[in-house]
Amino acid sequence: MSKENNSTDRYDDKLMDHDYDGIRELDNPPPRWIMAMFYITIAIAIIYAAYYFWLGVGDNQDAEYARKSKMHEQEYQIVNLSSEQLVLLTDVGEIEEGKAIFKEMNCFVCHGMNGEGNAIGPNLTDEFWIHGCGFQNVFNIIKNGEPLKGMAAFKGQISDEKIQKVASYIITLKGTNPANAKAPQGEKCE
């Protein structure tokens, strides 16, 4: 008996009737662990489809987005203030809160600890301002930023109420003349 004949005898019971150009096909099923994974993925797909589509228990993309947006707004208290609410705050407690937020949001990195400015940001204590000197202008710059000048927008990070407090604090810095103040930039405000 030759070797070739022994090897074909061994597979005779697994040979299928399918013959193509003298090549016979073996019935060689995949391993059981692969088949188990295959059936598990089918079961998961059926459960997923039932949960999200047929039974409608799970949120679709739009509902999930709305839910997460609401959570984000609650977490960061991002609510736009009306124009009547956007006024310069004069309460000492709110000004102190604005100062704390100024430090918390790392505004001092660009504008100095006392608003004196540095190599990056302008002086906030003199009479010369780059983007207007009124409360509304300061509020808008903090909220929307000025990308060309390197000022980041904070509207996605803190609420309008907090921006209002920071803007009010910055307005109170005008005329304080801290040590090592940066040279004036922009137009003189009256």
Protein backbone atom coordinates (compact mmCIF):
# COMPACT_ATOMS: atom_id res chain seq x y z
CA MET A 1 0.00 0.00 0.00
CA SER A 2 1.33 3.39 -0.87
CA LYS A 3 1.32 6.47 1.34
CA GLU A 4 -1.12 8.26 -0.92
CA ASN A 5 -3.64 5.50 -0.64
CA ASN A 6 -3.40 5.50 3.22
CA SER A 7 -4.11 9.23 3.41
CA THR A 8 -7.23 8.99 1.22
CA ASP A 9 -8.55 6.02 3.15
CA ARG A 10 -8.34 8.03 6.30
CA TYR A 11 -10.71 10.70 4.88
CA ASP A 12 -13.11 8.46 2.95
CA ASP A 13 -15.91 8.96 5.47
CA LYS A 14 -15.53 12.76 5.23
CA LEU A 15 -15.42 13.00 1.45
CA MET A 16 -18.44 14.59 -0.11
CA ASP A 17 -19.97 13.68 -3.44
CA HIS A 18 -18.89 17.00 -4.88
CA ASP A 19 -16.15 16.46 -7.47
CA TYR A 20 -14.61 19.24 -9.56
CA ASP A 21 -11.80 18.50 -12.02
CA GLY A 22 -10.81 15.45 -10.04
CA ILE A 23 -10.68 17.34 -6.79
CA ARG A 24 -13.02 16.00 -4.15
CA GLU A 25 -14.31 18.19 -1.35
CA LEU A 26 -13.91 17.26 2.31
CA ASP A 27 -16.67 17.91 4.81
CA ASN A 28 -14.45 19.82 7.27
CA PRO A 29 -16.59 21.85 9.67
CA PRO A 30 -15.12 24.84 11.56
CA PRO A 31 -14.05 24.34 15.18
CA ARG A 32 -16.78 24.38 17.81
CA TRP A 33 -15.49 27.56 19.49
CA ILE A 34 -15.83 29.51 16.24
CA MET A 35 -19.35 28.19 15.75
CA ALA A 36 -20.21 29.10 19.36
CA MET A 37 -18.99 32.69 18.77
CA PHE A 38 -21.01 32.83 15.56
CA TYR A 39 -24.23 31.78 17.31
CA ILE A 40 -23.56 34.16 20.23
CA THR A 41 -23.19 37.12 17.84
CA ILE A 42 -26.47 36.17 16.15
CA ALA A 43 -28.21 36.05 19.54
CA ILE A 44 -26.75 39.45 20.52
CA ALA A 45 -27.89 40.94 17.21
CA ILE A 46 -31.44 39.65 17.78
CA ILE A 47 -31.50 41.06 21.34
CA TYR A 48 -30.08 44.39 20.11
CA ALA A 49 -32.65 44.65 17.32
CA ALA A 50 -35.48 43.79 19.70
CA TYR A 51 -34.30 46.32 22.31
CA TYR A 52 -33.78 49.25 19.94
CA PHE A 53 -36.12 48.59 17.01
CA TRP A 54 -38.92 46.11 17.63
CA LEU A 55 -39.75 46.87 21.27
CA GLY A 56 -38.55 50.48 21.14
CA VAL A 57 -37.13 50.38 24.68
CA GLY A 58 -33.75 51.95 23.85
CA ASP A 59 -33.25 55.51 22.63
CA ASN A 60 -32.50 56.13 18.98
CA GLN A 61 -29.62 58.45 18.02
CA ASP A 62 -31.69 61.64 18.14
CA ALA A 63 -33.17 60.87 21.55
CA GLU A 64 -29.75 59.87 22.91
CA TYR A 65 -28.22 63.11 21.62
CA ALA A 66 -31.01 65.19 23.16
CA ARG A 67 -30.62 63.38 26.50
CA LYS A 68 -26.84 63.86 26.58
CA SER A 69 -27.16 67.52 25.53
CA LYS A 70 -29.60 68.12 28.38
CA MET A 71 -27.19 66.45 30.83
CA HIS A 72 -24.35 68.63 29.51
CA GLU A 73 -26.40 71.80 29.90
CA GLN A 74 -27.34 70.83 33.44
CA GLU A 75 -23.75 69.97 34.34
CA TYR A 76 -22.28 73.18 32.98
CA GLN A 77 -25.42 75.28 33.46
CA ILE A 78 -25.17 76.58 29.93
CA VAL A 79 -28.20 78.77 29.58
CA ASN A 80 -28.13 81.88 27.45
CA LEU A 81 -29.05 85.01 29.33
CA SER A 82 -31.45 87.47 27.76
CA SER A 83 -30.25 90.95 26.85
CA GLU A 84 -32.12 92.38 29.88
CA GLN A 85 -30.14 90.08 32.18
CA LEU A 86 -26.78 91.01 30.64
CA VAL A 87 -25.86 93.94 32.81
CA LEU A 88 -22.73 94.98 34.62
CA LEU A 89 -22.78 93.46 38.08
CA THR A 90 -21.77 95.70 40.99
CA ASP A 91 -22.35 93.41 43.96
CA VAL A 92 -19.05 92.77 45.77
CA GLY A 93 -19.84 89.06 46.21
CA GLU A 94 -20.51 88.58 42.49
CA ILE A 95 -17.33 90.49 41.59
CA GLU A 96 -15.36 88.18 43.93
CA GLU A 97 -16.99 85.18 42.24
CA GLY A 98 -15.86 86.63 38.89
CA LYS A 99 -12.32 86.94 40.24
CA ALA A 100 -12.41 83.31 41.41
CA ILE A 101 -13.68 82.16 37.99
CA PHE A 102 -10.95 84.28 36.33
CA LYS A 103 -8.36 82.28 38.29
CA GLU A 104 -10.19 78.95 37.96
CA MET A 105 -10.39 79.23 34.17
CA ASN A 106 -6.67 80.13 34.02
CA CYS A 107 -7.26 83.55 32.49
CA PHE A 108 -4.23 84.76 34.45
CA VAL A 109 -1.95 82.72 32.20
CA CYS A 110 -2.49 85.20 29.36
CA HIS A 111 -3.67 88.30 31.22
CA GLY A 112 -1.62 88.14 34.43
CA MET A 113 -2.80 87.63 38.01
CA ASN A 114 -4.04 91.23 38.28
CA GLY A 115 -5.00 91.75 34.64
CA GLU A 116 -1.71 93.48 33.85
CA GLY A 117 -1.17 91.47 30.66
CA ASN A 118 1.96 89.66 29.53
CA ALA A 119 3.63 88.52 26.31
CA ILE A 120 0.46 86.66 25.30
CA GLY A 121 -2.55 88.66 26.43
CA PRO A 122 -3.32 92.39 26.60
CA ASN A 123 -3.42 94.59 29.67
CA LEU A 124 -6.96 94.70 31.12
CA THR A 125 -6.29 97.54 33.57
CA ASP A 126 -5.49 100.52 31.33
CA GLU A 127 -7.77 102.78 29.28
CA PHE A 128 -6.79 101.21 25.93
CA TRP A 129 -8.81 98.24 24.75
CA ILE A 130 -8.50 96.21 21.55
CA HIS A 131 -12.10 95.00 21.07
CA GLY A 132 -14.12 97.77 22.66
CA CYS A 133 -14.37 98.82 26.27
CA GLY A 134 -18.00 98.36 27.22
CA PHE A 135 -19.37 95.53 29.32
CA GLN A 136 -21.15 93.98 26.32
CA ASN A 137 -17.91 93.90 24.29
CA VAL A 138 -15.99 92.25 27.14
CA PHE A 139 -18.81 89.70 27.62
CA ASN A 140 -18.86 88.86 23.89
CA ILE A 141 -15.07 88.42 23.71
CA ILE A 142 -15.07 86.05 26.67
CA LYS A 143 -18.07 84.11 25.36
CA ASN A 144 -17.15 83.88 21.66
CA GLY A 145 -13.39 84.36 21.79
CA GLU A 146 -11.15 85.94 19.19
CA PRO A 147 -9.28 83.13 17.39
CA LEU A 148 -7.05 85.49 15.40
CA LYS A 149 -5.70 86.95 18.64
CA GLY A 150 -5.50 83.61 20.48
CA MET A 151 -8.49 84.22 22.79
CA ALA A 152 -10.42 81.00 23.33
CA ALA A 153 -14.22 80.96 23.38
CA PHE A 154 -15.61 80.01 26.79
CA LYS A 155 -19.28 79.58 25.79
CA GLY A 156 -18.96 75.79 25.83
CA GLN A 157 -17.10 75.68 29.13
CA ILE A 158 -18.93 78.03 31.48
CA SER A 159 -22.42 79.51 31.67
CA ASP A 160 -23.41 83.00 30.57
CA GLU A 161 -23.96 83.86 34.22
CA LYS A 162 -20.33 83.02 35.03
CA ILE A 163 -19.12 84.89 31.95
CA GLN A 164 -21.15 87.87 33.17
CA LYS A 165 -19.38 87.73 36.54
CA VAL A 166 -15.94 87.51 34.92
CA ALA A 167 -16.72 90.40 32.55
CA SER A 168 -17.91 92.49 35.50
CA TYR A 169 -14.69 91.66 37.38
CA ILE A 170 -12.60 92.67 34.36
CA ILE A 171 -14.43 96.00 34.10
CA THR A 172 -13.54 96.67 37.76
CA LEU A 173 -9.84 96.22 36.91
CA LYS A 174 -9.81 99.32 34.71
CA GLY A 175 -7.59 101.99 36.25
CA THR A 176 -6.00 99.78 38.93
CA ASN A 177 -2.46 100.22 37.49
CA PRO A 178 -0.73 97.03 38.77
CA ALA A 179 3.05 96.64 38.72
CA ASN A 180 4.68 95.38 35.50
CA ALA A 181 1.66 96.31 33.38
CA LYS A 182 1.95 95.70 29.65
CA ALA A 183 2.08 98.71 27.34
CA PRO A 184 -1.30 99.98 26.09
CA GLN A 185 -2.81 98.35 23.01
CA GLY A 186 -5.89 99.26 21.00
CA GLU A 187 -8.02 102.40 21.20
CA LYS A 188 -8.54 104.62 24.17
CA CYS A 189 -11.89 104.20 25.86
CA GLU A 190 -13.67 107.13 27.38
